[in-house]
Amino acid sequence: MFKKNYNNKCHECENKENSIFCNIGNNDSESLSVYKGVNLYKRGHIIFLEGTLPTGLYCIRTGKIKITKIGLDGKQQALRFLKEGDVIGYRSLISDDRYQASAIALEDSEVCFFQKNIIDQTLRDNILVKDEIIKRMANDIKLSERNIVDLAQRSVKQRICTSLLNLIEIYGFKKDQKTINMRISRKQISEIVGTTPETTSRLFSELIQEKIISSKRNDLEIINISQLKRSSEF
């Protein structure tokens, strides 16, 4: 990780409409920009580590981030995947608790950082920012409940298909409108669905034989999205 020094104003950010600062005025955005730093993380670098204390709030300017947690067996479990405009670390920051998971760059990423005292002041002064954070917390709970149901009731193959659909929803497609706009390995898919890489590889082979997907060097092409949706259903 290293810092990039330039004056990137929050109100001019192309991701503002997707961030927790979407409803604040330009004057407040300019005030935030004064105290903001921009850090660059190479692919695989840790942004924050599970068990450490938060010192501020992170907002993704460019790139892709995954949130992971280490299970009792020592294996890594992928919890969420994030994109430009998403904020990370806000739950631990607000609760004044240690991070319950780690944030890792999936690709080279630029991440804005706001110190804790600046965010605390913003939350005291601006109810709209607080409302946005509450909405995101509520959505986190909804996603967690959905994941619990998926783990309990869906087969591994159904969970893999659901995960691919979720990645499409988050990152979309590349220009060909077939390839998911992120490179992801079968090992990473296995971390999402809570299974072994061997099982994931076997089920990927089934999806390829069924001509639902195509996989090459961590690029996933969706051949038949309708069938992918049907294969994800109970």
C-alpha atoms as a PDB file:
ATOM      1  CA  MET A   1       0.000   0.000   0.000  1.00  0.00           C
ATOM      2  CA  PHE A   2       1.203   3.510  -0.751  1.00  0.00           C
ATOM      3  CA  LYS A   3      -0.366   6.943  -0.805  1.00  0.00           C
ATOM      4  CA  LYS A   4      -1.254   8.869  -3.903  1.00  0.00           C
ATOM      5  CA  ASN A   5      -1.094  12.604  -3.419  1.00  0.00           C
ATOM      6  CA  TYR A   6      -3.568  14.565  -5.475  1.00  0.00           C
ATOM      7  CA  ASN A   7      -6.508  16.793  -4.707  1.00  0.00           C
ATOM      8  CA  ASN A   8      -9.446  14.575  -5.550  1.00  0.00           C
ATOM      9  CA  LYS A   9     -12.591  16.428  -4.514  1.00  0.00           C
ATOM     10  CA  CYS A  10     -15.459  14.279  -3.255  1.00  0.00           C
ATOM     11  CA  HIS A  11     -18.158  16.349  -4.982  1.00  0.00           C
ATOM     12  CA  GLU A  12     -16.425  15.738  -8.328  1.00  0.00           C
ATOM     13  CA  CYS A  13     -16.100  11.982  -7.791  1.00  0.00           C
ATOM     14  CA  GLU A  14     -17.937   9.905 -10.396  1.00  0.00           C
ATOM     15  CA  ASN A  15     -18.879   7.434  -7.659  1.00  0.00           C
ATOM     16  CA  LYS A  16     -20.533   9.967  -5.351  1.00  0.00           C
ATOM     17  CA  GLU A  17     -24.078   8.924  -6.275  1.00  0.00           C
ATOM     18  CA  ASN A  18     -23.312   5.363  -5.125  1.00  0.00           C
ATOM     19  CA  SER A  19     -21.600   6.326  -1.856  1.00  0.00           C
ATOM     20  CA  ILE A  20     -22.872   7.241   1.607  1.00  0.00           C
ATOM     21  CA  PHE A  21     -22.106  10.870   0.741  1.00  0.00           C
ATOM     22  CA  CYS A  22     -24.573  10.943  -2.172  1.00  0.00           C
ATOM     23  CA  ASN A  23     -26.969  13.402  -0.516  1.00  0.00           C
ATOM     24  CA  ILE A  24     -24.588  15.947   0.993  1.00  0.00           C
ATOM     25  CA  GLY A  25     -23.945  19.338  -0.595  1.00  0.00           C
ATOM     26  CA  ASN A  26     -20.799  20.494  -2.346  1.00  0.00           C
ATOM     27  CA  ASN A  27     -19.616  22.555   0.626  1.00  0.00           C
ATOM     28  CA  ASP A  28     -19.725  19.528   2.931  1.00  0.00           C
ATOM     29  CA  SER A  29     -18.071  17.399   0.248  1.00  0.00           C
ATOM     30  CA  GLU A  30     -15.269  19.925  -0.106  1.00  0.00           C
ATOM     31  CA  SER A  31     -14.727  19.853   3.673  1.00  0.00           C
ATOM     32  CA  LEU A  32     -14.410  16.072   3.555  1.00  0.00           C
ATOM     33  CA  SER A  33     -11.922  16.303   0.693  1.00  0.00           C
ATOM     34  CA  VAL A  34      -9.544  18.416   2.757  1.00  0.00           C
ATOM     35  CA  TYR A  35      -9.019  15.593   5.254  1.00  0.00           C
ATOM     36  CA  LYS A  36      -9.097  12.694   2.818  1.00  0.00           C
ATOM     37  CA  GLY A  37      -6.213  10.480   1.776  1.00  0.00           C
ATOM     38  CA  VAL A  38      -6.109   8.147  -1.229  1.00  0.00           C
ATOM     39  CA  ASN A  39      -4.263   4.853  -0.808  1.00  0.00           C
ATOM     40  CA  LEU A  40      -3.278   2.483  -3.594  1.00  0.00           C
ATOM     41  CA  TYR A  41      -3.485  -1.263  -2.920  1.00  0.00           C
ATOM     42  CA  LYS A  42      -2.009  -3.835  -5.254  1.00  0.00           C
ATOM     43  CA  ARG A  43      -3.938  -7.014  -6.014  1.00  0.00           C
ATOM     44  CA  GLY A  44      -3.962  -9.267  -2.930  1.00  0.00           C
ATOM     45  CA  HIS A  45      -2.935  -6.546  -0.476  1.00  0.00           C
ATOM     46  CA  ILE A  46      -4.818  -6.218   2.804  1.00  0.00           C
ATOM     47  CA  ILE A  47      -6.734  -2.994   3.449  1.00  0.00           C
ATOM     48  CA  PHE A  48      -7.616  -3.889   7.016  1.00  0.00           C
ATOM     49  CA  LEU A  49      -7.245  -7.086   9.003  1.00  0.00           C
ATOM     50  CA  GLU A  50      -9.763  -9.016  11.076  1.00  0.00           C
ATOM     51  CA  GLY A  51      -9.247  -8.382  14.802  1.00  0.00           C
ATOM     52  CA  THR A  52      -7.629  -4.946  14.470  1.00  0.00           C
ATOM     53  CA  LEU A  53      -9.153  -1.666  15.631  1.00  0.00           C
ATOM     54  CA  PRO A  54     -10.611   0.738  13.055  1.00  0.00           C
ATOM     55  CA  THR A  55      -9.007   4.141  12.611  1.00  0.00           C
ATOM     56  CA  GLY A  56     -11.292   5.473   9.914  1.00  0.00           C
ATOM     57  CA  LEU A  57     -13.628   4.794   7.000  1.00  0.00           C
ATOM     58  CA  TYR A  58     -12.672   3.465   3.565  1.00  0.00           C
ATOM     59  CA  CYS A  59     -14.434   4.311   0.310  1.00  0.00           C
ATOM     60  CA  ILE A  60     -13.549   2.473  -2.906  1.00  0.00           C
ATOM     61  CA  ARG A  61     -12.593   4.933  -5.662  1.00  0.00           C
ATOM     62  CA  THR A  62     -11.516   2.354  -8.240  1.00  0.00           C
ATOM     63  CA  GLY A  63     -11.074  -1.408  -8.178  1.00  0.00           C
ATOM     64  CA  LYS A  64     -12.695  -4.380  -6.487  1.00  0.00           C
ATOM     65  CA  ILE A  65     -12.507  -5.510  -2.851  1.00  0.00           C
ATOM     66  CA  LYS A  66     -13.562  -8.692  -1.076  1.00  0.00           C
ATOM     67  CA  ILE A  67     -14.523  -9.054   2.582  1.00  0.00           C
ATOM     68  CA  THR A  68     -13.344 -12.327   4.138  1.00  0.00           C
ATOM     69  CA  LYS A  69     -13.414 -14.052   7.496  1.00  0.00           C
ATOM     70  CA  ILE A  70     -11.337 -16.915   8.871  1.00  0.00           C
ATOM     71  CA  GLY A  71     -13.466 -19.830  10.085  1.00  0.00           C
ATOM     72  CA  LEU A  72     -12.851 -22.141  13.020  1.00  0.00           C
ATOM     73  CA  ASP A  73     -11.098 -24.567  10.674  1.00  0.00           C
ATOM     74  CA  GLY A  74      -8.672 -21.831   9.599  1.00  0.00           C
ATOM     75  CA  LYS A  75     -10.157 -21.590   6.112  1.00  0.00           C
ATOM     76  CA  GLN A  76     -10.999 -18.284   4.499  1.00  0.00           C
ATOM     77  CA  GLN A  77     -14.682 -17.544   3.876  1.00  0.00           C
ATOM     78  CA  ALA A  78     -15.599 -14.824   1.384  1.00  0.00           C
ATOM     79  CA  LEU A  79     -18.514 -12.799   2.741  1.00  0.00           C
ATOM     80  CA  ARG A  80     -19.038  -9.990   0.232  1.00  0.00           C
ATOM     81  CA  PHE A  81     -17.624  -8.476  -2.931  1.00  0.00           C
ATOM     82  CA  LEU A  82     -17.540  -4.712  -3.330  1.00  0.00           C
ATOM     83  CA  LYS A  83     -17.062  -2.216  -6.140  1.00  0.00           C
ATOM     84  CA  GLU A  84     -16.473   1.485  -6.801  1.00  0.00           C
ATOM     85  CA  GLY A  85     -18.461   3.759  -4.484  1.00  0.00           C
ATOM     86  CA  ASP A  86     -18.899   1.142  -1.748  1.00  0.00           C
ATOM     87  CA  VAL A  87     -17.711   1.955   1.772  1.00  0.00           C
ATOM     88  CA  ILE A  88     -16.025  -0.554   4.060  1.00  0.00           C
ATOM     89  CA  GLY A  89     -15.306  -0.707   7.751  1.00  0.00           C
ATOM     90  CA  TYR A  90     -18.275   1.394   8.852  1.00  0.00           C
ATOM     91  CA  ARG A  91     -19.890  -1.132  11.182  1.00  0.00           C
ATOM     92  CA  SER A  92     -16.805  -1.574  13.352  1.00  0.00           C
ATOM     93  CA  LEU A  93     -16.128   2.152  13.221  1.00  0.00           C
ATOM     94  CA  ILE A  94     -19.595   3.058  14.491  1.00  0.00           C
ATOM     95  CA  SER A  95     -19.731   0.308  17.121  1.00  0.00           C
ATOM     96  CA  ASP A  96     -16.166   1.119  18.221  1.00  0.00           C
ATOM     97  CA  ASP A  97     -15.334  -2.563  17.940  1.00  0.00           C
ATOM     98  CA  ARG A  98     -12.573  -4.552  16.271  1.00  0.00           C
ATOM     99  CA  TYR A  99     -12.974  -5.560  12.650  1.00  0.00           C
ATOM    100  CA  GLN A 100     -14.915  -8.802  12.395  1.00  0.00           C
ATOM    101  CA  ALA A 101     -13.523  -9.533   8.928  1.00  0.00           C
ATOM    102  CA  SER A 102     -10.681  -8.537   6.613  1.00  0.00           C
ATOM    103  CA  ALA A 103     -10.768  -6.444   3.425  1.00  0.00           C
ATOM    104  CA  ILE A 104      -8.516  -7.553   0.550  1.00  0.00           C
ATOM    105  CA  ALA A 105      -7.970  -6.013  -2.879  1.00  0.00           C
ATOM    106  CA  LEU A 106      -9.080  -8.304  -5.715  1.00  0.00           C
ATOM    107  CA  GLU A 107      -7.286  -6.081  -8.213  1.00  0.00           C
ATOM    108  CA  ASP A 108      -5.195  -2.911  -8.083  1.00  0.00           C
ATOM    109  CA  SER A 109      -7.473  -0.465  -6.272  1.00  0.00           C
ATOM    110  CA  GLU A 110      -7.595   3.160  -5.159  1.00  0.00           C
ATOM    111  CA  VAL A 111      -9.274   3.564  -1.786  1.00  0.00           C
ATOM    112  CA  CYS A 112     -10.115   6.871  -0.122  1.00  0.00           C
ATOM    113  CA  PHE A 113      -9.592   7.045   3.624  1.00  0.00           C
ATOM    114  CA  PHE A 114     -11.342   9.333   6.130  1.00  0.00           C
ATOM    115  CA  GLN A 115     -10.065   9.448   9.702  1.00  0.00           C
ATOM    116  CA  LYS A 116     -12.439   8.408  12.491  1.00  0.00           C
ATOM    117  CA  ASN A 117     -12.812  11.879  14.017  1.00  0.00           C
ATOM    118  CA  ILE A 118     -13.849  13.315  10.625  1.00  0.00           C
ATOM    119  CA  ILE A 119     -16.513  10.645  10.118  1.00  0.00           C
ATOM    120  CA  ASP A 120     -17.753  11.033  13.695  1.00  0.00           C
ATOM    121  CA  GLN A 121     -18.194  14.761  13.127  1.00  0.00           C
ATOM    122  CA  THR A 122     -19.918  14.186   9.781  1.00  0.00           C
ATOM    123  CA  LEU A 123     -22.390  11.765  11.363  1.00  0.00           C
ATOM    124  CA  ARG A 124     -23.165  14.279  14.123  1.00  0.00           C
ATOM    125  CA  ASP A 125     -23.709  17.115  11.659  1.00  0.00           C
ATOM    126  CA  ASN A 126     -25.404  15.378   8.741  1.00  0.00           C
ATOM    127  CA  ILE A 127     -28.445  13.164   9.228  1.00  0.00           C
ATOM    128  CA  LEU A 128     -28.442  12.207   5.526  1.00  0.00           C
ATOM    129  CA  VAL A 129     -25.077  10.449   5.810  1.00  0.00           C
ATOM    130  CA  LYS A 130     -26.280   8.650   8.926  1.00  0.00           C
ATOM    131  CA  ASP A 131     -29.427   7.542   7.073  1.00  0.00           C
ATOM    132  CA  GLU A 132     -27.332   6.109   4.228  1.00  0.00           C
ATOM    133  CA  ILE A 133     -25.224   4.101   6.666  1.00  0.00           C
ATOM    134  CA  ILE A 134     -28.361   2.740   8.363  1.00  0.00           C
ATOM    135  CA  LYS A 135     -29.699   1.661   4.949  1.00  0.00           C
ATOM    136  CA  ARG A 136     -26.458  -0.159   4.193  1.00  0.00           C
ATOM    137  CA  MET A 137     -26.487  -1.901   7.563  1.00  0.00           C
ATOM    138  CA  ALA A 138     -30.064  -3.031   6.920  1.00  0.00           C
ATOM    139  CA  ASN A 139     -29.030  -4.351   3.498  1.00  0.00           C
ATOM    140  CA  ASP A 140     -26.079  -6.202   5.076  1.00  0.00           C
ATOM    141  CA  ILE A 141     -28.497  -7.944   7.442  1.00  0.00           C
ATOM    142  CA  LYS A 142     -30.780  -8.877   4.515  1.00  0.00           C
ATOM    143  CA  LEU A 143     -27.866 -10.365   2.577  1.00  0.00           C
ATOM    144  CA  SER A 144     -26.638 -12.266   5.643  1.00  0.00           C
ATOM    145  CA  GLU A 145     -30.088 -13.777   6.191  1.00  0.00           C
ATOM    146  CA  ARG A 146     -30.260 -14.778   2.534  1.00  0.00           C
ATOM    147  CA  ASN A 147     -26.846 -16.416   2.741  1.00  0.00           C
ATOM    148  CA  ILE A 148     -27.908 -18.408   5.817  1.00  0.00           C
ATOM    149  CA  VAL A 149     -30.932 -19.746   3.922  1.00  0.00           C
ATOM    150  CA  ASP A 150     -28.767 -20.561   0.891  1.00  0.00           C
ATOM    151  CA  LEU A 151     -26.258 -22.505   2.980  1.00  0.00           C
ATOM    152  CA  ALA A 152     -29.013 -24.443   4.728  1.00  0.00           C
ATOM    153  CA  GLN A 153     -31.330 -25.208   1.825  1.00  0.00           C
ATOM    154  CA  ARG A 154     -29.534 -24.948  -1.523  1.00  0.00           C
ATOM    155  CA  SER A 155     -27.260 -27.579  -2.982  1.00  0.00           C
ATOM    156  CA  VAL A 156     -23.634 -26.674  -3.657  1.00  0.00           C
ATOM    157  CA  LYS A 157     -24.352 -26.426  -7.386  1.00  0.00           C
ATOM    158  CA  GLN A 158     -27.273 -24.087  -6.730  1.00  0.00           C
ATOM    159  CA  ARG A 159     -25.059 -21.945  -4.480  1.00  0.00           C
ATOM    160  CA  ILE A 160     -22.393 -21.725  -7.181  1.00  0.00           C
ATOM    161  CA  CYS A 161     -24.965 -20.568  -9.731  1.00  0.00           C
ATOM    162  CA  THR A 162     -26.384 -18.063  -7.262  1.00  0.00           C
ATOM    163  CA  SER A 163     -22.900 -16.735  -6.551  1.00  0.00           C
ATOM    164  CA  LEU A 164     -22.238 -16.208 -10.265  1.00  0.00           C
ATOM    165  CA  LEU A 165     -25.525 -14.332 -10.594  1.00  0.00           C
ATOM    166  CA  ASN A 166     -24.573 -12.179  -7.601  1.00  0.00           C
ATOM    167  CA  LEU A 167     -21.207 -11.352  -9.191  1.00  0.00           C
ATOM    168  CA  ILE A 168     -23.019 -10.340 -12.387  1.00  0.00           C
ATOM    169  CA  GLU A 169     -25.308  -8.093 -10.346  1.00  0.00           C
ATOM    170  CA  ILE A 170     -22.338  -6.441  -8.609  1.00  0.00           C
ATOM    171  CA  TYR A 171     -19.813  -6.116 -11.425  1.00  0.00           C
ATOM    172  CA  GLY A 172     -21.795  -6.601 -14.620  1.00  0.00           C
ATOM    173  CA  PHE A 173     -20.311  -7.828 -17.888  1.00  0.00           C
ATOM    174  CA  LYS A 174     -17.374  -6.756 -19.990  1.00  0.00           C
ATOM    175  CA  LYS A 175     -17.979  -5.203 -23.412  1.00  0.00           C
ATOM    176  CA  ASP A 176     -18.854  -8.575 -24.936  1.00  0.00           C
ATOM    177  CA  GLN A 177     -21.868  -8.762 -22.576  1.00  0.00           C
ATOM    178  CA  LYS A 178     -20.949 -12.354 -21.764  1.00  0.00           C
ATOM    179  CA  THR A 179     -17.805 -12.309 -19.615  1.00  0.00           C
ATOM    180  CA  ILE A 180     -18.232 -11.331 -15.966  1.00  0.00           C
ATOM    181  CA  ASN A 181     -16.341  -8.094 -15.316  1.00  0.00           C
ATOM    182  CA  MET A 182     -13.947  -9.585 -12.797  1.00  0.00           C
ATOM    183  CA  ARG A 183     -11.400 -12.357 -12.785  1.00  0.00           C
ATOM    184  CA  ILE A 184     -12.200 -14.982 -10.185  1.00  0.00           C
ATOM    185  CA  SER A 185     -10.676 -18.382  -9.550  1.00  0.00           C
ATOM    186  CA  ARG A 186     -12.467 -21.577  -8.633  1.00  0.00           C
ATOM    187  CA  LYS A 187     -10.759 -21.386  -5.263  1.00  0.00           C
ATOM    188  CA  GLN A 188     -12.410 -18.014  -4.668  1.00  0.00           C
ATOM    189  CA  ILE A 189     -15.777 -19.406  -5.725  1.00  0.00           C
ATOM    190  CA  SER A 190     -15.310 -22.228  -3.234  1.00  0.00           C
ATOM    191  CA  GLU A 191     -14.676 -19.615  -0.525  1.00  0.00           C
ATOM    192  CA  ILE A 192     -17.993 -17.953  -1.362  1.00  0.00           C
ATOM    193  CA  VAL A 193     -20.141 -21.076  -1.311  1.00  0.00           C
ATOM    194  CA  GLY A 194     -18.353 -22.809   1.563  1.00  0.00           C
ATOM    195  CA  THR A 195     -17.069 -25.904  -0.181  1.00  0.00           C
ATOM    196  CA  THR A 196     -13.767 -27.376  -1.340  1.00  0.00           C
ATOM    197  CA  PRO A 197     -11.959 -26.277  -4.523  1.00  0.00           C
ATOM    198  CA  GLU A 198     -12.224 -29.885  -5.756  1.00  0.00           C
ATOM    199  CA  THR A 199     -16.022 -29.852  -5.468  1.00  0.00           C
ATOM    200  CA  THR A 200     -16.179 -26.463  -7.175  1.00  0.00           C
ATOM    201  CA  SER A 201     -14.029 -27.736 -10.065  1.00  0.00           C
ATOM    202  CA  ARG A 202     -16.248 -30.786 -10.513  1.00  0.00           C
ATOM    203  CA  LEU A 203     -19.426 -28.707 -10.564  1.00  0.00           C
ATOM    204  CA  PHE A 204     -17.852 -26.135 -12.875  1.00  0.00           C
ATOM    205  CA  SER A 205     -17.133 -28.988 -15.269  1.00  0.00           C
ATOM    206  CA  GLU A 206     -20.826 -29.934 -15.135  1.00  0.00           C
ATOM    207  CA  LEU A 207     -21.887 -26.353 -15.911  1.00  0.00           C
ATOM    208  CA  ILE A 208     -19.434 -26.254 -18.815  1.00  0.00           C
ATOM    209  CA  GLN A 209     -20.725 -29.584 -20.171  1.00  0.00           C
ATOM    210  CA  GLU A 210     -24.285 -28.253 -19.890  1.00  0.00           C
ATOM    211  CA  LYS A 211     -23.138 -25.227 -21.923  1.00  0.00           C
ATOM    212  CA  ILE A 212     -24.197 -22.791 -19.208  1.00  0.00           C
ATOM    213  CA  ILE A 213     -20.754 -21.248 -18.660  1.00  0.00           C
ATOM    214  CA  SER A 214     -17.296 -21.217 -20.181  1.00  0.00           C
ATOM    215  CA  SER A 215     -14.121 -20.725 -18.136  1.00  0.00           C
ATOM    216  CA  LYS A 216     -10.646 -19.714 -19.268  1.00  0.00           C
ATOM    217  CA  ARG A 217      -7.840 -18.385 -17.049  1.00  0.00           C
ATOM    218  CA  ASN A 218     -10.208 -17.107 -14.342  1.00  0.00           C
ATOM    219  CA  ASP A 219     -12.437 -15.363 -16.910  1.00  0.00           C
ATOM    220  CA  LEU A 220     -16.016 -16.635 -16.672  1.00  0.00           C
ATOM    221  CA  GLU A 221     -18.265 -16.368 -19.713  1.00  0.00           C
ATOM    222  CA  ILE A 222     -21.997 -16.881 -19.280  1.00  0.00           C
ATOM    223  CA  ILE A 223     -23.302 -18.799 -22.289  1.00  0.00           C
ATOM    224  CA  ASN A 224     -26.894 -19.307 -21.117  1.00  0.00           C
ATOM    225  CA  ILE A 225     -27.954 -16.932 -18.351  1.00  0.00           C
ATOM    226  CA  SER A 226     -31.546 -18.205 -18.375  1.00  0.00           C
ATOM    227  CA  GLN A 227     -30.363 -21.730 -17.627  1.00  0.00           C
ATOM    228  CA  LEU A 228     -27.963 -20.351 -15.004  1.00  0.00           C
ATOM    229  CA  LYS A 229     -30.919 -18.739 -13.237  1.00  0.00           C
ATOM    230  CA  ARG A 230     -32.947 -21.965 -13.429  1.00  0.00           C
ATOM    231  CA  SER A 231     -29.999 -23.953 -12.058  1.00  0.00           C
ATOM    232  CA  SER A 232     -29.801 -21.601  -9.063  1.00  0.00           C
ATOM    233  CA  GLU A 233     -33.411 -22.152  -8.021  1.00  0.00           C
ATOM    234  CA  PHE A 234     -34.654 -24.531  -5.336  1.00  0.00           C
END
